[in-house]
mmCIF file of all heavy atoms, coordinates in Angstrom:
data_MODEL
# 
_entry.id   MODEL 
# 
loop_
_atom_site.group_PDB 
_atom_site.id 
_atom_site.type_symbol 
_atom_site.label_atom_id 
_atom_site.label_alt_id 
_atom_site.label_comp_id 
_atom_site.label_asym_id 
_atom_site.label_entity_id 
_atom_site.label_seq_id 
_atom_site.pdbx_PDB_ins_code 
_atom_site.Cartn_x 
_atom_site.Cartn_y 
_atom_site.Cartn_z 
_atom_site.occupancy 
_atom_site.B_iso_or_equiv 
_atom_site.pdbx_formal_charge 
_atom_site.auth_seq_id 
_atom_site.auth_comp_id 
_atom_site.auth_asym_id 
_atom_site.auth_atom_id 
_atom_site.pdbx_PDB_model_num 
ATOM 1   N N   . GLY A 1 1  ? 22.882 24.169 -1.006  1.00 0.00 ? 1  GLY A N   1 
ATOM 2   C CA  . GLY A 1 1  ? 22.319 25.390 -0.447  1.00 0.00 ? 1  GLY A CA  1 
ATOM 3   C C   . GLY A 1 1  ? 22.763 26.583 -1.266  1.00 0.00 ? 1  GLY A C   1 
ATOM 4   O O   . GLY A 1 1  ? 23.922 26.687 -1.659  1.00 0.00 ? 1  GLY A O   1 
ATOM 5   N N   . SER A 1 2  ? 21.815 27.483 -1.563  1.00 0.00 ? 2  SER A N   1 
ATOM 6   C CA  . SER A 1 2  ? 22.129 28.696 -2.316  1.00 0.00 ? 2  SER A CA  1 
ATOM 7   C C   . SER A 1 2  ? 21.515 29.883 -1.588  1.00 0.00 ? 2  SER A C   1 
ATOM 8   O O   . SER A 1 2  ? 20.679 29.718 -0.698  1.00 0.00 ? 2  SER A O   1 
ATOM 9   C CB  . SER A 1 2  ? 21.560 28.603 -3.741  1.00 0.00 ? 2  SER A CB  1 
ATOM 10  O OG  . SER A 1 2  ? 20.149 28.782 -3.736  1.00 0.00 ? 2  SER A OG  1 
ATOM 11  N N   . PRO A 1 3  ? 21.922 31.112 -1.956  1.00 0.00 ? 3  PRO A N   1 
ATOM 12  C CA  . PRO A 1 3  ? 21.335 32.287 -1.297  1.00 0.00 ? 3  PRO A CA  1 
ATOM 13  C C   . PRO A 1 3  ? 19.821 32.348 -1.429  1.00 0.00 ? 3  PRO A C   1 
ATOM 14  O O   . PRO A 1 3  ? 19.142 32.947 -0.606  1.00 0.00 ? 3  PRO A O   1 
ATOM 15  C CB  . PRO A 1 3  ? 22.009 33.461 -2.031  1.00 0.00 ? 3  PRO A CB  1 
ATOM 16  C CG  . PRO A 1 3  ? 23.315 32.897 -2.515  1.00 0.00 ? 3  PRO A CG  1 
ATOM 17  C CD  . PRO A 1 3  ? 23.014 31.475 -2.866  1.00 0.00 ? 3  PRO A CD  1 
ATOM 18  N N   . ARG A 1 4  ? 19.271 31.700 -2.468  1.00 0.00 ? 4  ARG A N   1 
ATOM 19  C CA  . ARG A 1 4  ? 17.828 31.740 -2.692  1.00 0.00 ? 4  ARG A CA  1 
ATOM 20  C C   . ARG A 1 4  ? 17.099 30.560 -2.061  1.00 0.00 ? 4  ARG A C   1 
ATOM 21  O O   . ARG A 1 4  ? 15.879 30.513 -2.045  1.00 0.00 ? 4  ARG A O   1 
ATOM 22  C CB  . ARG A 1 4  ? 17.549 31.755 -4.203  1.00 0.00 ? 4  ARG A CB  1 
ATOM 23  C CG  . ARG A 1 4  ? 18.087 32.971 -4.926  1.00 0.00 ? 4  ARG A CG  1 
ATOM 24  C CD  . ARG A 1 4  ? 17.836 32.889 -6.418  1.00 0.00 ? 4  ARG A CD  1 
ATOM 25  N NE  . ARG A 1 4  ? 16.432 32.725 -6.720  1.00 0.00 ? 4  ARG A NE  1 
ATOM 26  C CZ  . ARG A 1 4  ? 15.906 31.644 -7.278  1.00 0.00 ? 4  ARG A CZ  1 
ATOM 27  N NH1 . ARG A 1 4  ? 16.672 30.610 -7.578  1.00 0.00 ? 4  ARG A NH1 1 
ATOM 28  N NH2 . ARG A 1 4  ? 14.630 31.579 -7.541  1.00 0.00 ? 4  ARG A NH2 1 
ATOM 29  N N   . GLY A 1 5  ? 17.837 29.587 -1.550  1.00 0.00 ? 5  GLY A N   1 
ATOM 30  C CA  . GLY A 1 5  ? 17.191 28.413 -0.970  1.00 0.00 ? 5  GLY A CA  1 
ATOM 31  C C   . GLY A 1 5  ? 17.840 27.127 -1.457  1.00 0.00 ? 5  GLY A C   1 
ATOM 32  O O   . GLY A 1 5  ? 18.877 27.142 -2.122  1.00 0.00 ? 5  GLY A O   1 
ATOM 33  N N   . LEU A 1 6  ? 17.213 26.017 -1.138  1.00 0.00 ? 6  LEU A N   1 
ATOM 34  C CA  . LEU A 1 6  ? 17.752 24.710 -1.499  1.00 0.00 ? 6  LEU A CA  1 
ATOM 35  C C   . LEU A 1 6  ? 17.477 24.395 -2.962  1.00 0.00 ? 6  LEU A C   1 
ATOM 36  O O   . LEU A 1 6  ? 16.344 24.520 -3.436  1.00 0.00 ? 6  LEU A O   1 
ATOM 37  C CB  . LEU A 1 6  ? 17.112 23.632 -0.619  1.00 0.00 ? 6  LEU A CB  1 
ATOM 38  C CG  . LEU A 1 6  ? 17.580 22.191 -0.864  1.00 0.00 ? 6  LEU A CG  1 
ATOM 39  C CD1 . LEU A 1 6  ? 19.003 22.016 -0.368  1.00 0.00 ? 6  LEU A CD1 1 
ATOM 40  C CD2 . LEU A 1 6  ? 16.653 21.209 -0.153  1.00 0.00 ? 6  LEU A CD2 1 
ATOM 41  N N   . VAL A 1 7  ? 18.517 23.993 -3.674  1.00 0.00 ? 7  VAL A N   1 
ATOM 42  C CA  . VAL A 1 7  ? 18.368 23.550 -5.059  1.00 0.00 ? 7  VAL A CA  1 
ATOM 43  C C   . VAL A 1 7  ? 19.035 22.178 -5.194  1.00 0.00 ? 7  VAL A C   1 
ATOM 44  O O   . VAL A 1 7  ? 19.927 21.834 -4.424  1.00 0.00 ? 7  VAL A O   1 
ATOM 45  C CB  . VAL A 1 7  ? 18.992 24.551 -6.059  1.00 0.00 ? 7  VAL A CB  1 
ATOM 46  C CG1 . VAL A 1 7  ? 18.198 25.837 -6.101  1.00 0.00 ? 7  VAL A CG1 1 
ATOM 47  C CG2 . VAL A 1 7  ? 20.442 24.849 -5.698  1.00 0.00 ? 7  VAL A CG2 1 
ATOM 48  N N   . VAL A 1 8  ? 18.565 21.400 -6.177  1.00 0.00 ? 8  VAL A N   1 
ATOM 49  C CA  . VAL A 1 8  ? 19.080 20.038 -6.342  1.00 0.00 ? 8  VAL A CA  1 
ATOM 50  C C   . VAL A 1 8  ? 19.487 19.821 -7.795  1.00 0.00 ? 8  VAL A C   1 
ATOM 51  O O   . VAL A 1 8  ? 18.712 19.280 -8.595  1.00 0.00 ? 8  VAL A O   1 
ATOM 52  C CB  . VAL A 1 8  ? 18.031 18.987 -5.910  1.00 0.00 ? 8  VAL A CB  1 
ATOM 53  C CG1 . VAL A 1 8  ? 18.649 17.585 -5.913  1.00 0.00 ? 8  VAL A CG1 1 
ATOM 54  C CG2 . VAL A 1 8  ? 17.460 19.316 -4.540  1.00 0.00 ? 8  VAL A CG2 1 
ATOM 55  N N   . PRO A 1 9  ? 20.691 20.246 -8.197  1.00 0.00 ? 9  PRO A N   1 
ATOM 56  C CA  . PRO A 1 9  ? 21.172 19.980 -9.548  1.00 0.00 ? 9  PRO A CA  1 
ATOM 57  C C   . PRO A 1 9  ? 21.450 18.487 -9.742  1.00 0.00 ? 9  PRO A C   1 
ATOM 58  O O   . PRO A 1 9  ? 21.717 17.767 -8.785  1.00 0.00 ? 9  PRO A O   1 
ATOM 59  C CB  . PRO A 1 9  ? 22.452 20.810 -9.646  1.00 0.00 ? 9  PRO A CB  1 
ATOM 60  C CG  . PRO A 1 9  ? 22.895 20.995 -8.230  1.00 0.00 ? 9  PRO A CG  1 
ATOM 61  C CD  . PRO A 1 9  ? 21.644 21.039 -7.403  1.00 0.00 ? 9  PRO A CD  1 
ATOM 62  N N   . ILE A 1 10 ? 21.377 18.051 -10.983 1.00 0.00 ? 10 ILE A N   1 
ATOM 63  C CA  . ILE A 1 10 ? 21.422 16.625 -11.299 1.00 0.00 ? 10 ILE A CA  1 
ATOM 64  C C   . ILE A 1 10 ? 22.731 16.227 -11.979 1.00 0.00 ? 10 ILE A C   1 
ATOM 65  O O   . ILE A 1 10 ? 23.149 16.854 -12.959 1.00 0.00 ? 10 ILE A O   1 
ATOM 66  C CB  . ILE A 1 10 ? 20.247 16.235 -12.222 1.00 0.00 ? 10 ILE A CB  1 
ATOM 67  C CG1 . ILE A 1 10 ? 18.916 16.765 -11.669 1.00 0.00 ? 10 ILE A CG1 1 
ATOM 68  C CG2 . ILE A 1 10 ? 20.200 14.724 -12.407 1.00 0.00 ? 10 ILE A CG2 1 
ATOM 69  C CD1 . ILE A 1 10 ? 18.562 16.244 -10.299 1.00 0.00 ? 10 ILE A CD1 1 
ATOM 70  N N   . ILE A 1 11 ? 23.367 15.181 -11.465 1.00 0.00 ? 11 ILE A N   1 
ATOM 71  C CA  . ILE A 1 11 ? 24.527 14.567 -12.128 1.00 0.00 ? 11 ILE A CA  1 
ATOM 72  C C   . ILE A 1 11 ? 23.990 13.447 -13.014 1.00 0.00 ? 11 ILE A C   1 
ATOM 73  O O   . ILE A 1 11 ? 23.540 12.402 -12.529 1.00 0.00 ? 11 ILE A O   1 
ATOM 74  C CB  . ILE A 1 11 ? 25.525 14.004 -11.112 1.00 0.00 ? 11 ILE A CB  1 
ATOM 75  C CG1 . ILE A 1 11 ? 26.054 15.126 -10.210 1.00 0.00 ? 11 ILE A CG1 1 
ATOM 76  C CG2 . ILE A 1 11 ? 26.696 13.321 -11.827 1.00 0.00 ? 11 ILE A CG2 1 
ATOM 77  C CD1 . ILE A 1 11 ? 27.024 14.643 -9.152  1.00 0.00 ? 11 ILE A CD1 1 
ATOM 78  N N   . ARG A 1 12 ? 23.991 13.651 -14.318 1.00 0.00 ? 12 ARG A N   1 
ATOM 79  C CA  . ARG A 1 12 ? 23.436 12.678 -15.264 1.00 0.00 ? 12 ARG A CA  1 
ATOM 80  C C   . ARG A 1 12 ? 24.382 11.489 -15.431 1.00 0.00 ? 12 ARG A C   1 
ATOM 81  O O   . ARG A 1 12 ? 25.598 11.636 -15.458 1.00 0.00 ? 12 ARG A O   1 
ATOM 82  C CB  . ARG A 1 12 ? 23.221 13.328 -16.638 1.00 0.00 ? 12 ARG A CB  1 
ATOM 83  C CG  . ARG A 1 12 ? 22.492 14.669 -16.600 1.00 0.00 ? 12 ARG A CG  1 
ATOM 84  C CD  . ARG A 1 12 ? 21.025 14.511 -16.407 1.00 0.00 ? 12 ARG A CD  1 
ATOM 85  N NE  . ARG A 1 12 ? 20.355 15.820 -16.362 1.00 0.00 ? 12 ARG A NE  1 
ATOM 86  C CZ  . ARG A 1 12 ? 19.087 16.001 -16.046 1.00 0.00 ? 12 ARG A CZ  1 
ATOM 87  N NH1 . ARG A 1 12 ? 18.332 14.953 -15.745 1.00 0.00 ? 12 ARG A NH1 1 
ATOM 88  N NH2 . ARG A 1 12 ? 18.562 17.213 -16.001 1.00 0.00 ? 12 ARG A NH2 1 
ATOM 89  N N   . ASN A 1 13 ? 23.782 10.298 -15.551 1.00 0.00 ? 13 ASN A N   1 
ATOM 90  C CA  . ASN A 1 13 ? 24.547 9.069  -15.781 1.00 0.00 ? 13 ASN A CA  1 
ATOM 91  C C   . ASN A 1 13 ? 25.721 8.958  -14.809 1.00 0.00 ? 13 ASN A C   1 
ATOM 92  O O   . ASN A 1 13 ? 26.866 8.699  -15.203 1.00 0.00 ? 13 ASN A O   1 
ATOM 93  C CB  . ASN A 1 13 ? 25.053 9.016  -17.229 1.00 0.00 ? 13 ASN A CB  1 
ATOM 94  C CG  . ASN A 1 13 ? 23.924 9.058  -18.243 1.00 0.00 ? 13 ASN A CG  1 
ATOM 95  O OD1 . ASN A 1 13 ? 22.923 8.348  -18.107 1.00 0.00 ? 13 ASN A OD1 1 
ATOM 96  N ND2 . ASN A 1 13 ? 24.057 9.891  -19.250 1.00 0.00 ? 13 ASN A ND2 1 
ATOM 97  N N   . ALA A 1 14 ? 25.425 9.158  -13.537 1.00 0.00 ? 14 ALA A N   1 
ATOM 98  C CA  . ALA A 1 14 ? 26.474 9.170  -12.514 1.00 0.00 ? 14 ALA A CA  1 
ATOM 99  C C   . ALA A 1 14 ? 27.248 7.861  -12.456 1.00 0.00 ? 14 ALA A C   1 
ATOM 100 O O   . ALA A 1 14 ? 28.438 7.847  -12.130 1.00 0.00 ? 14 ALA A O   1 
ATOM 101 C CB  . ALA A 1 14 ? 25.855 9.473  -11.149 1.00 0.00 ? 14 ALA A CB  1 
ATOM 102 N N   . ASP A 1 15 ? 26.578 6.756  -12.775 1.00 0.00 ? 15 ASP A N   1 
ATOM 103 C CA  . ASP A 1 15 ? 27.246 5.450  -12.717 1.00 0.00 ? 15 ASP A CA  1 
ATOM 104 C C   . ASP A 1 15 ? 28.322 5.303  -13.785 1.00 0.00 ? 15 ASP A C   1 
ATOM 105 O O   . ASP A 1 15 ? 29.208 4.456  -13.664 1.00 0.00 ? 15 ASP A O   1 
ATOM 106 C CB  . ASP A 1 15 ? 26.209 4.326  -12.868 1.00 0.00 ? 15 ASP A CB  1 
ATOM 107 C CG  . ASP A 1 15 ? 25.375 4.469  -14.134 1.00 0.00 ? 15 ASP A CG  1 
ATOM 108 O OD1 . ASP A 1 15 ? 24.946 5.604  -14.435 1.00 0.00 ? 15 ASP A OD1 1 
ATOM 109 O OD2 . ASP A 1 15 ? 25.144 3.456  -14.818 1.00 0.00 ? 15 ASP A OD2 1 
ATOM 110 N N   . GLN A 1 16 ? 28.264 6.133  -14.821 1.00 0.00 ? 16 GLN A N   1 
ATOM 111 C CA  . GLN A 1 16 ? 29.234 6.041  -15.903 1.00 0.00 ? 16 GLN A CA  1 
ATOM 112 C C   . GLN A 1 16 ? 30.383 7.036  -15.749 1.00 0.00 ? 16 GLN A C   1 
ATOM 113 O O   . GLN A 1 16 ? 31.296 7.060  -16.576 1.00 0.00 ? 16 GLN A O   1 
ATOM 114 C CB  . GLN A 1 16 ? 28.526 6.285  -17.245 1.00 0.00 ? 16 GLN A CB  1 
ATOM 115 C CG  . GLN A 1 16 ? 27.410 5.287  -17.539 1.00 0.00 ? 16 GLN A CG  1 
ATOM 116 C CD  . GLN A 1 16 ? 26.671 5.603  -18.828 1.00 0.00 ? 16 GLN A CD  1 
ATOM 117 O OE1 . GLN A 1 16 ? 27.211 6.267  -19.712 1.00 0.00 ? 16 GLN A OE1 1 
ATOM 118 N NE2 . GLN A 1 16 ? 25.429 5.138  -18.938 1.00 0.00 ? 16 GLN A NE2 1 
ATOM 119 N N   . LEU A 1 17 ? 30.337 7.847  -14.714 1.00 0.00 ? 17 LEU A N   1 
ATOM 120 C CA  . LEU A 1 17 ? 31.365 8.864  -14.504 1.00 0.00 ? 17 LEU A CA  1 
ATOM 121 C C   . LEU A 1 17 ? 32.414 8.381  -13.509 1.00 0.00 ? 17 LEU A C   1 
ATOM 122 O O   . LEU A 1 17 ? 32.132 7.581  -12.622 1.00 0.00 ? 17 LEU A O   1 
ATOM 123 C CB  . LEU A 1 17 ? 30.736 10.150 -13.982 1.00 0.00 ? 17 LEU A CB  1 
ATOM 124 C CG  . LEU A 1 17 ? 29.658 10.818 -14.855 1.00 0.00 ? 17 LEU A CG  1 
ATOM 125 C CD1 . LEU A 1 17 ? 29.141 12.074 -14.178 1.00 0.00 ? 17 LEU A CD1 1 
ATOM 126 C CD2 . LEU A 1 17 ? 30.200 11.143 -16.241 1.00 0.00 ? 17 LEU A CD2 1 
ATOM 127 N N   . SER A 1 18 ? 33.624 8.907  -13.665 1.00 0.00 ? 18 SER A N   1 
ATOM 128 C CA  . SER A 1 18 ? 34.684 8.625  -12.695 1.00 0.00 ? 18 SER A CA  1 
ATOM 129 C C   . SER A 1 18 ? 34.511 9.526  -11.481 1.00 0.00 ? 18 SER A C   1 
ATOM 130 O O   . SER A 1 18 ? 33.742 10.494 -11.512 1.00 0.00 ? 18 SER A O   1 
ATOM 131 C CB  . SER A 1 18 ? 36.058 8.868  -13.329 1.00 0.00 ? 18 SER A CB  1 
ATOM 132 O OG  . SER A 1 18 ? 36.228 10.251 -13.610 1.00 0.00 ? 18 SER A OG  1 
ATOM 133 N N   . ILE A 1 19 ? 35.227 9.228  -10.414 1.00 0.00 ? 19 ILE A N   1 
ATOM 134 C CA  . ILE A 1 19 ? 35.166 10.074 -9.221  1.00 0.00 ? 19 ILE A CA  1 
ATOM 135 C C   . ILE A 1 19 ? 35.634 11.490 -9.549  1.00 0.00 ? 19 ILE A C   1 
ATOM 136 O O   . ILE A 1 19 ? 35.061 12.472 -9.061  1.00 0.00 ? 19 ILE A O   1 
ATOM 137 C CB  . ILE A 1 19 ? 36.018 9.458  -8.089  1.00 0.00 ? 19 ILE A CB  1 
ATOM 138 C CG1 . ILE A 1 19 ? 35.334 8.189  -7.559  1.00 0.00 ? 19 ILE A CG1 1 
ATOM 139 C CG2 . ILE A 1 19 ? 36.219 10.469 -6.960  1.00 0.00 ? 19 ILE A CG2 1 
ATOM 140 C CD1 . ILE A 1 19 ? 36.090 7.492  -6.455  1.00 0.00 ? 19 ILE A CD1 1 
ATOM 141 N N   . ALA A 1 20 ? 36.643 11.617 -10.401 1.00 0.00 ? 20 ALA A N   1 
ATOM 142 C CA  . ALA A 1 20 ? 37.134 12.942 -10.796 1.00 0.00 ? 20 ALA A CA  1 
ATOM 143 C C   . ALA A 1 20 ? 36.056 13.724 -11.538 1.00 0.00 ? 20 ALA A C   1 
ATOM 144 O O   . ALA A 1 20 ? 35.858 14.922 -11.295 1.00 0.00 ? 20 ALA A O   1 
ATOM 145 C CB  . ALA A 1 20 ? 38.386 12.809 -11.666 1.00 0.00 ? 20 ALA A CB  1 
ATOM 146 N N   . GLU A 1 21 ? 35.353 13.072 -12.447 1.00 0.00 ? 21 GLU A N   1 
ATOM 147 C CA  . GLU A 1 21 ? 34.295 13.742 -13.206 1.00 0.00 ? 21 GLU A CA  1 
ATOM 148 C C   . GLU A 1 21 ? 33.146 14.159 -12.290 1.00 0.00 ? 21 GLU A C   1 
ATOM 149 O O   . GLU A 1 21 ? 32.549 15.232 -12.462 1.00 0.00 ? 21 GLU A O   1 
ATOM 150 C CB  . GLU A 1 21 ? 33.790 12.820 -14.315 1.00 0.00 ? 21 GLU A CB  1 
ATOM 151 C CG  . GLU A 1 21 ? 34.799 12.593 -15.427 1.00 0.00 ? 21 GLU A CG  1 
ATOM 152 C CD  . GLU A 1 21 ? 34.373 11.519 -16.408 1.00 0.00 ? 21 GLU A CD  1 
ATOM 153 O OE1 . GLU A 1 21 ? 33.772 10.506 -15.968 1.00 0.00 ? 21 GLU A OE1 1 
ATOM 154 O OE2 . GLU A 1 21 ? 34.631 11.678 -17.615 1.00 0.00 ? 21 GLU A OE2 1 
ATOM 155 N N   . ILE A 1 22 ? 32.841 13.327 -11.307 1.00 0.00 ? 22 ILE A N   1 
ATOM 156 C CA  . ILE A 1 22 ? 31.782 13.662 -10.350 1.00 0.00 ? 22 ILE A CA  1 
ATOM 157 C C   . ILE A 1 22 ? 32.186 14.860 -9.501  1.00 0.00 ? 22 ILE A C   1 
ATOM 158 O O   . ILE A 1 22 ? 31.393 15.787 -9.283  1.00 0.00 ? 22 ILE A O   1 
ATOM 159 C CB  . ILE A 1 22 ? 31.465 12.444 -9.456  1.00 0.00 ? 22 ILE A CB  1 
ATOM 160 C CG1 . ILE A 1 22 ? 30.815 11.340 -10.293 1.00 0.00 ? 22 ILE A CG1 1 
ATOM 161 C CG2 . ILE A 1 22 ? 30.552 12.845 -8.293  1.00 0.00 ? 22 ILE A CG2 1 
ATOM 162 C CD1 . ILE A 1 22 ? 30.653 10.031 -9.557  1.00 0.00 ? 22 ILE A CD1 1 
ATOM 163 N N   . GLU A 1 23 ? 33.426 14.869 -9.020  1.00 0.00 ? 23 GLU A N   1 
ATOM 164 C CA  . GLU A 1 23 ? 33.900 15.986 -8.207  1.00 0.00 ? 23 GLU A CA  1 
ATOM 165 C C   . GLU A 1 23 ? 33.884 17.295 -9.003  1.00 0.00 ? 23 GLU A C   1 
ATOM 166 O O   . GLU A 1 23 ? 33.556 18.361 -8.466  1.00 0.00 ? 23 GLU A O   1 
ATOM 167 C CB  . GLU A 1 23 ? 35.313 15.708 -7.686  1.00 0.00 ? 23 GLU A CB  1 
ATOM 168 C CG  . GLU A 1 23 ? 35.399 14.599 -6.650  1.00 0.00 ? 23 GLU A CG  1 
ATOM 169 C CD  . GLU A 1 23 ? 34.793 14.980 -5.308  1.00 0.00 ? 23 GLU A CD  1 
ATOM 170 O OE1 . GLU A 1 23 ? 34.377 16.144 -5.149  1.00 0.00 ? 23 GLU A OE1 1 
ATOM 171 O OE2 . GLU A 1 23 ? 34.738 14.117 -4.420  1.00 0.00 ? 23 GLU A OE2 1 
ATOM 172 N N   . LYS A 1 24 ? 34.225 17.230 -10.274 1.00 0.00 ? 24 LYS A N   1 
ATOM 173 C CA  . LYS A 1 24 ? 34.192 18.426 -11.114 1.00 0.00 ? 24 LYS A CA  1 
ATOM 174 C C   . LYS A 1 24 ? 32.772 18.944 -11.272 1.00 0.00 ? 24 LYS A C   1 
ATOM 175 O O   . LYS A 1 24 ? 32.516 20.155 -11.218 1.00 0.00 ? 24 LYS A O   1 
ATOM 176 C CB  . LYS A 1 24 ? 34.796 18.124 -12.494 1.00 0.00 ? 24 LYS A CB  1 
ATOM 177 C CG  . LYS A 1 24 ? 36.309 17.946 -12.486 1.00 0.00 ? 24 LYS A CG  1 
ATOM 178 C CD  . LYS A 1 24 ? 36.824 17.625 -13.886 1.00 0.00 ? 24 LYS A CD  1 
ATOM 179 C CE  . LYS A 1 24 ? 38.339 17.423 -13.870 1.00 0.00 ? 24 LYS A CE  1 
ATOM 180 N NZ  . LYS A 1 24 ? 38.867 17.063 -15.220 1.00 0.00 ? 24 LYS A NZ  1 
ATOM 181 N N   . LYS A 1 25 ? 31.816 18.028 -11.463 1.00 0.00 ? 25 LYS A N   1 
ATOM 182 C CA  . LYS A 1 25 ? 30.419 18.412 -11.600 1.00 0.00 ? 25 LYS A CA  1 
ATOM 183 C C   . LYS A 1 25 ? 29.896 19.071 -10.320 1.00 0.00 ? 25 LYS A C   1 
ATOM 184 O O   . LYS A 1 25 ? 29.190 20.088 -10.363 1.00 0.00 ? 25 LYS A O   1 
ATOM 185 C CB  . LYS A 1 25 ? 29.569 17.179 -11.931 1.00 0.00 ? 25 LYS A CB  1 
ATOM 186 C CG  . LYS A 1 25 ? 29.422 16.894 -13.411 1.00 0.00 ? 25 LYS A CG  1 
ATOM 187 C CD  . LYS A 1 25 ? 28.621 17.985 -14.087 1.00 0.00 ? 25 LYS A CD  1 
ATOM 188 C CE  . LYS A 1 25 ? 28.432 17.711 -15.562 1.00 0.00 ? 25 LYS A CE  1 
ATOM 189 N NZ  . LYS A 1 25 ? 27.729 18.846 -16.244 1.00 0.00 ? 25 LYS A NZ  1 
ATOM 190 N N   . ILE A 1 26 ? 30.243 18.490 -9.184  1.00 0.00 ? 26 ILE A N   1 
ATOM 191 C CA  . ILE A 1 26 ? 29.787 19.037 -7.905  1.00 0.00 ? 26 ILE A CA  1 
ATOM 192 C C   . ILE A 1 26 ? 30.360 20.433 -7.678  1.00 0.00 ? 26 ILE A C   1 
ATOM 193 O O   . ILE A 1 26 ? 29.655 21.343 -7.229  1.00 0.00 ? 26 ILE A O   1 
ATOM 194 C CB  . ILE A 1 26 ? 30.172 18.085 -6.751  1.00 0.00 ? 26 ILE A CB  1 
ATOM 195 C CG1 . ILE A 1 26 ? 29.399 16.766 -6.881  1.00 0.00 ? 26 ILE A CG1 1 
ATOM 196 C CG2 . ILE A 1 26 ? 29.899 18.737 -5.404  1.00 0.00 ? 26 ILE A CG2 1 
ATOM 197 C CD1 . ILE A 1 26 ? 29.825 15.704 -5.893  1.00 0.00 ? 26 ILE A CD1 1 
ATOM 198 N N   . ALA A 1 27 ? 31.635 20.610 -7.989  1.00 0.00 ? 27 ALA A N   1 
ATOM 199 C CA  . ALA A 1 27 ? 32.271 21.932 -7.847  1.00 0.00 ? 27 ALA A CA  1 
ATOM 200 C C   . ALA A 1 27 ? 31.607 22.947 -8.776  1.00 0.00 ? 27 ALA A C   1 
ATOM 201 O O   . ALA A 1 27 ? 31.364 24.100 -8.392  1.00 0.00 ? 27 ALA A O   1 
ATOM 202 C CB  . ALA A 1 27 ? 33.760 21.830 -8.143  1.00 0.00 ? 27 ALA A CB  1 
# 
């Protein structure tokens, strides 16, 4: 959710990332 509405950013190659890398991307 953003001030302008719903947006859906993409985590590329999520299966190849660690949980730490995913959490960093989400943040």
